[in-house]
Protein backbone atom coordinates (compact mmCIF):
# COMPACT_ATOMS: atom_id res chain seq x y z
CA UNK A 1 15.99 12.00 10.43
CA UNK A 2 14.25 10.36 7.47
CA UNK A 3 12.30 11.18 4.33
CA UNK A 4 13.63 11.55 0.80
CA UNK A 5 17.29 10.85 0.14
CA UNK A 6 16.87 12.89 -3.05
CA UNK A 7 13.47 14.56 -3.37
CA UNK A 8 12.48 14.78 -7.06
CA UNK A 9 11.35 18.00 -8.65
CA UNK A 10 7.75 17.83 -9.92
CA UNK A 11 7.24 17.58 -13.67
CA UNK A 12 5.63 20.69 -15.14
CA UNK A 13 2.69 19.91 -17.43
CA UNK A 14 0.44 22.58 -18.98
CA UNK A 15 -2.99 22.54 -17.36
CA UNK A 16 -1.85 20.56 -14.32
CA UNK A 17 -1.09 21.98 -10.88
CA UNK A 18 1.30 19.95 -8.72
CA UNK A 19 -0.22 19.26 -5.30
CA UNK A 20 1.99 16.74 -3.55
CA UNK A 21 5.01 14.46 -3.90
CA UNK A 22 4.52 11.28 -1.89
CA UNK A 23 6.72 8.26 -1.26
CA UNK A 24 5.66 6.71 -4.56
CA UNK A 25 2.98 8.91 -6.17
CA UNK A 26 2.97 12.45 -7.49
CA UNK A 27 -0.39 14.18 -7.28
CA UNK A 28 -1.66 16.89 -9.63
CA UNK A 29 -4.98 18.62 -10.30
CA UNK A 30 -6.35 19.32 -13.76
CA UNK A 31 -8.48 22.26 -14.86
CA UNK A 32 -11.68 20.25 -14.26
CA UNK A 33 -10.75 19.78 -10.62
CA UNK A 34 -9.96 16.07 -11.03
CA UNK A 35 -6.88 14.54 -9.46
CA UNK A 36 -4.10 13.12 -11.63
CA UNK A 37 -2.08 10.43 -9.85
CA UNK A 38 1.26 9.35 -11.29
CA UNK A 39 2.93 6.28 -9.77
CA UNK A 40 6.71 6.55 -9.89
CA UNK A 41 9.27 3.75 -9.60
CA UNK A 42 10.42 5.06 -6.20
CA UNK A 43 10.69 2.62 -3.32
CA UNK A 44 10.79 3.30 0.40
CA UNK A 45 12.13 1.36 3.37
CA UNK A 46 12.62 2.20 7.04
CA UNK A 47 10.90 5.59 6.53
CA UNK A 48 13.33 6.60 3.77
CA UNK A 49 12.51 7.04 0.09
CA UNK A 50 15.59 5.46 -1.44
CA UNK A 51 17.80 7.00 -4.12
CA UNK A 52 17.44 3.91 -6.35
CA UNK A 53 14.28 3.19 -8.34
CA UNK A 54 12.78 -0.20 -9.25
CA UNK A 55 12.07 -0.25 -13.02
CA UNK A 56 8.38 -0.79 -13.94
CA UNK A 57 7.26 -0.67 -10.29
CA UNK A 58 4.89 2.28 -10.81
CA UNK A 59 3.28 0.65 -13.82
CA UNK A 60 2.86 -2.65 -11.99
CA UNK A 61 1.17 -0.89 -9.06
CA UNK A 62 -1.13 1.07 -11.37
CA UNK A 63 -2.14 -1.85 -13.59
CA UNK A 64 -2.67 -4.18 -10.63
CA UNK A 65 -4.82 -1.55 -8.88
CA UNK A 66 -6.95 -1.21 -12.01
CA UNK A 67 -7.41 -5.00 -12.12
CA UNK A 68 -8.46 -5.09 -8.49
CA UNK A 69 -10.84 -2.14 -8.85
CA UNK A 70 -12.70 -4.23 -11.45
CA UNK A 71 -12.83 -7.29 -9.16
CA UNK A 72 -14.30 -5.19 -6.35
CA UNK A 73 -16.69 -2.93 -8.27
CA UNK A 74 -19.81 -4.69 -6.96
CA UNK A 75 -18.71 -4.09 -3.36
CA UNK A 76 -17.59 -0.45 -3.47
CA UNK A 77 -17.16 2.19 -6.20
CA UNK A 78 -13.63 3.38 -7.01
CA UNK A 79 -12.17 6.77 -7.80
CA UNK A 80 -10.78 6.16 -11.32
CA UNK A 81 -12.31 8.31 -14.06
CA UNK A 82 -9.83 7.69 -16.88
CA UNK A 83 -6.48 6.19 -17.77
CA UNK A 84 -6.03 8.57 -20.71
CA UNK A 85 -2.73 10.43 -20.52
CA UNK A 86 -3.29 14.19 -19.96
CA UNK A 87 -2.41 16.33 -22.96
CA UNK A 88 1.20 17.48 -22.76
CA UNK A 89 2.21 14.86 -20.20
CA UNK A 90 5.54 13.07 -20.78
CA UNK A 91 5.42 9.72 -22.55
CA UNK A 92 6.99 8.14 -19.46
CA UNK A 93 3.70 8.65 -17.61
CA UNK A 94 1.96 6.12 -19.88
CA UNK A 95 0.60 3.15 -17.93
CA UNK A 96 1.26 4.73 -14.56
CA UNK A 97 -1.24 7.62 -14.59
CA UNK A 98 -4.83 7.70 -13.33
CA UNK A 99 -7.31 10.58 -13.57
CA UNK A 100 -9.46 10.30 -10.46
CA UNK A 101 -12.40 11.83 -8.65
CA UNK A 102 -11.57 14.46 -6.08
CA UNK A 103 -12.80 13.08 -2.74
CA UNK A 104 -13.11 14.14 0.87
CA UNK A 105 -10.61 11.61 2.20
CA UNK A 106 -11.03 9.80 5.50
CA UNK A 107 -8.07 10.73 7.73
CA UNK A 108 -7.17 7.10 8.52
CA UNK A 109 -5.53 4.13 6.86
CA UNK A 110 -8.09 1.31 6.87
CA UNK A 111 -6.11 -1.84 7.64
CA UNK A 112 -7.49 -5.37 7.58
CA UNK A 113 -5.54 -8.29 9.03
CA UNK A 114 -6.27 -11.97 8.65
CA UNK A 115 -2.85 -13.10 9.86
CA UNK A 116 -0.56 -11.89 12.65
CA UNK A 117 2.72 -10.25 11.65
CA UNK A 118 4.43 -6.86 11.41
CA UNK A 119 3.33 -4.12 13.80
CA UNK A 120 0.35 -6.25 14.84
CA UNK A 121 2.69 -8.96 16.09
CA UNK A 122 4.76 -6.42 18.04
CA UNK A 123 1.66 -5.14 19.87
CA UNK A 124 0.34 -8.67 20.42
CA UNK A 125 3.58 -9.76 22.06
CA UNK A 126 3.34 -6.79 24.43
CA UNK A 127 -0.36 -6.89 25.33
CA UNK A 128 -2.07 -9.78 23.48
CA UNK A 129 -4.06 -7.15 21.57
CA UNK A 130 -3.93 -5.42 18.18
CA UNK A 131 -5.35 -1.89 18.10
CA UNK A 132 -7.01 -2.67 21.41
CA UNK A 133 -8.67 -5.86 20.10
CA UNK A 134 -8.01 -8.87 22.34
CA UNK A 135 -6.65 -11.93 20.54
CA UNK A 136 -6.31 -15.57 21.71
CA UNK A 137 -3.13 -16.68 23.48
CA UNK A 138 -0.44 -18.71 21.77
CA UNK A 139 -0.32 -16.91 18.42
CA UNK A 140 3.03 -16.55 16.64
CA UNK A 141 4.45 -14.74 13.63
CA UNK A 142 2.32 -15.79 10.66
CA UNK A 143 -0.59 -17.26 12.65
CA UNK A 144 -4.00 -17.12 10.98
CA UNK A 145 -6.43 -15.13 13.11
CA UNK A 146 -9.83 -16.58 14.11
CA UNK A 147 -11.37 -13.93 11.84
CA UNK A 148 -10.24 -10.84 9.96
CA UNK A 149 -9.91 -7.71 12.12
CA UNK A 150 -10.06 -3.99 11.36
CA UNK A 151 -6.92 -2.32 12.70
CA UNK A 152 -6.83 1.32 11.54
CA UNK A 153 -3.82 3.62 11.57
CA UNK A 154 -3.23 7.32 11.29
CA UNK A 155 -1.81 8.65 8.02
CA UNK A 156 1.78 9.76 8.43
CA UNK A 157 3.82 12.30 6.46
CA UNK A 158 6.77 11.12 4.36
CA UNK A 159 9.49 10.03 6.76
CA UNK A 160 7.13 9.27 9.66
CA UNK A 161 5.52 6.06 10.88
CA UNK A 162 1.83 5.33 10.53
CA UNK A 163 0.52 4.82 14.07
CA UNK A 164 -2.03 2.12 14.91
CA UNK A 165 -5.13 3.52 16.61
CA UNK A 166 -8.24 2.04 18.20
CA UNK A 167 -11.64 1.87 16.55
CA UNK A 168 -12.87 4.29 19.20
CA UNK A 169 -10.31 6.83 18.02
CA UNK A 170 -11.54 6.46 14.43
CA UNK A 171 -15.12 7.03 15.61
CA UNK A 172 -13.95 10.16 17.40
CA UNK A 173 -12.21 11.42 14.24
CA UNK A 174 -14.91 10.73 11.66
CA UNK A 175 -18.06 10.02 13.65
CA UNK A 176 -19.62 6.67 14.59
CA UNK A 177 -21.58 6.17 11.36
CA UNK A 178 -18.60 6.75 9.08
CA UNK A 179 -16.36 4.63 11.33
CA UNK A 180 -18.81 1.73 11.08
CA UNK A 181 -19.02 2.17 7.30
CA UNK A 182 -15.22 2.16 6.99
CA UNK A 183 -14.87 -0.98 9.11
CA UNK A 184 -17.63 -2.88 7.33
CA UNK A 185 -16.38 -1.99 3.85
CA UNK A 186 -12.74 -2.68 4.71
CA UNK A 187 -13.54 -6.17 5.98
CA UNK A 188 -15.85 -6.93 3.05
CA UNK A 189 -13.22 -5.93 0.50
CA UNK A 190 -10.49 -7.82 2.36
CA UNK A 191 -12.67 -10.93 2.50
CA UNK A 192 -13.23 -10.85 -1.25
CA UNK A 193 -9.54 -10.25 -1.97
CA UNK A 194 -8.50 -13.02 0.43
CA UNK A 195 -10.55 -15.55 -1.53
CA UNK A 196 -9.31 -14.30 -4.91
CA UNK A 197 -5.70 -14.54 -3.73
CA UNK A 198 -6.23 -18.04 -2.29
CA UNK A 199 -7.51 -19.25 -5.66
CA UNK A 200 -4.16 -18.16 -7.08
CA UNK A 201 -2.00 -19.82 -4.43
CA UNK A 202 -1.39 -16.67 -2.40
CA UNK A 203 -2.21 -15.68 1.17
CA UNK A 204 -3.24 -12.05 1.66
CA UNK A 205 -1.99 -11.61 5.21
CA UNK A 206 -3.00 -7.97 5.58
CA UNK A 207 -3.67 -4.87 3.51
CA UNK A 208 -4.50 -1.20 3.87
CA UNK A 209 -7.12 0.80 2.00
CA UNK A 210 -7.88 4.48 1.66
CA UNK A 211 -11.44 5.71 1.31
CA UNK A 212 -13.10 9.04 0.65
CA UNK A 213 -16.59 10.41 0.14
CA UNK A 214 -17.65 11.92 -3.16
CA UNK A 215 -19.85 14.98 -3.66
CA UNK A 216 -22.97 12.83 -3.20
CA UNK A 217 -21.69 11.40 0.07
CA UNK A 218 -20.97 7.91 -1.27
CA UNK A 219 -17.98 6.01 0.10
CA UNK A 220 -15.35 5.49 -2.62
CA UNK A 221 -12.23 3.30 -2.70
CA UNK A 222 -9.21 5.44 -3.56
CA UNK A 223 -5.44 5.50 -4.02
CA UNK A 224 -3.83 2.14 -4.82
CA UNK A 225 -5.47 -1.13 -3.85
CA UNK A 226 -4.14 -4.59 -2.99
CA UNK A 227 -0.68 -4.03 -4.47
CA UNK A 228 2.58 -5.39 -3.02
CA UNK A 229 3.19 -1.88 -1.62
CA UNK A 230 -0.06 -1.79 0.33
CA UNK A 231 -0.47 -5.50 1.07
CA UNK A 232 1.40 -8.48 2.41
CA UNK A 233 1.16 -11.47 0.05
CA UNK A 234 2.71 -14.81 0.98
CA UNK A 235 3.03 -17.95 -1.19
CA UNK A 236 0.51 -20.38 0.33
CA UNK A 237 2.67 -23.43 -0.23
CA UNK A 238 5.47 -21.91 1.88
CA UNK A 239 3.34 -20.64 4.76
CA UNK A 240 4.78 -21.80 8.08
CA UNK A 241 3.70 -19.97 11.26
CA UNK A 242 6.43 -19.25 13.77
CA UNK A 243 8.82 -17.51 11.43
CA UNK A 244 8.86 -14.59 8.98
CA UNK A 245 7.14 -15.61 5.72
CA UNK A 246 8.59 -15.07 2.24
CA UNK A 247 6.65 -12.23 0.65
CA UNK A 248 5.97 -10.44 -2.63
CA UNK A 249 7.26 -7.01 -1.74
CA UNK A 250 10.43 -5.11 -0.89
CA UNK A 251 11.88 -7.72 1.47
CA UNK A 252 15.06 -7.98 -0.62
CA UNK A 253 15.54 -4.24 -0.15
CA UNK A 254 15.01 -4.38 3.61
CA UNK A 255 17.30 -7.39 3.99
CA UNK A 256 20.12 -5.76 2.04
CA UNK A 257 19.83 -2.43 3.85
CA UNK A 258 20.20 -4.16 7.22
CA UNK A 259 23.04 -6.41 6.05
CA UNK A 260 26.72 -5.81 6.67
CA UNK A 261 27.20 -5.44 2.92
CA UNK A 262 25.22 -2.18 2.81
CA UNK A 263 27.31 -0.60 5.55
CA UNK A 264 24.25 1.37 6.70
CA UNK A 265 23.06 1.72 10.27
CA UNK A 266 19.31 2.32 10.25
CA UNK A 267 19.56 3.82 13.75
CA UNK A 268 21.89 6.54 12.50
CA UNK A 269 20.84 9.83 10.91
CA UNK A 270 22.68 8.97 7.71
CA UNK A 271 20.56 8.34 4.60
CA UNK A 272 20.63 4.81 3.15
CA UNK A 273 22.93 4.02 0.21
CA UNK A 274 22.00 3.21 -3.38
CA UNK A 275 20.82 -0.35 -4.03
CA UNK A 276 22.98 -2.80 -5.96
CA UNK A 277 21.73 -4.03 -9.33
CA UNK A 278 21.04 -7.55 -8.08
CA UNK A 279 18.69 -6.27 -5.34
CA UNK A 280 16.91 -4.03 -7.86
CA UNK A 281 16.44 -6.92 -10.31
CA UNK A 282 15.18 -9.36 -7.67
CA UNK A 283 12.77 -6.79 -6.24
CA UNK A 284 11.38 -5.95 -9.68
CA UNK A 285 10.89 -9.66 -10.34
CA UNK A 286 8.83 -10.01 -7.14
CA UNK A 287 6.50 -7.16 -8.09
CA UNK A 288 6.05 -8.59 -11.58
CA UNK A 289 5.45 -12.09 -10.21
CA UNK A 290 2.72 -10.79 -7.88
CA UNK A 291 1.02 -9.08 -10.84
CA UNK A 292 1.22 -12.19 -13.03
CA UNK A 293 0.03 -14.63 -10.35
CA UNK A 294 -2.95 -12.48 -9.41
CA UNK A 295 -4.10 -11.40 -12.86
CA UNK A 296 -3.04 -14.45 -14.87
CA UNK A 297 -1.58 -12.05 -17.45
CA UNK A 298 2.08 -11.99 -18.53
CA UNK A 299 3.71 -8.64 -17.72
CA UNK A 300 5.95 -8.67 -20.78
């Protein structure tokens, strides 16, 4: 059992139709047929959307995505049409709302990895492959790969795991031409972001993108991009292969949930408990620090 500990009720706004409540984002459609994405402060871990929110998290994700869309605009168009708050929307949506193109979304998460960790490490230790791609022997947690690899995954519903799949499976799902386009664009965008992050003292270990095609058939970068929720950033000066790396994400949340202090057994069917204030504060600080280090702009 997993999913929402407390699933929120959608906000009713005149002229907007609620389409979906995700782990972090609420999706609406306006009368023009555009999508309205609202990033909440919800946080998920171990396939649960937790009952405690992280203040400012949704705004950080939205503003960092907007910054990255600008950095990448010469490589791939993005889906953002406007950041203007829809008429009648609550003031709390300010800074966390994007009006976006409606796209025909590719049914896969487009993951790029330049370093070995996470689910990629688990598969490597079993078969010396990641998504069917053979890798050299002797790699450990945190190892830099000889070159970035495209390791797609299926999109999972709230409460379920994304599942890594082979490139051949992607080609079967979307056709060989679209599969090649997704792989090429994913690796190009990751390569650009890797260099930008390095200039700011960060390692972008891996990241996932979502793409869709617009009415003219052009590939468009969608959803969030290169945020701490969708990416693994490590401080370059603390990188040490052979152990888990410190990261700019929800690691404080994961560590507390699996500690004796939380009293929660992730293998049980019981939902996780509320987070203590210290864990909330430290997690918020990590999201803000990632924003500030990447953009060079003070959050406050």
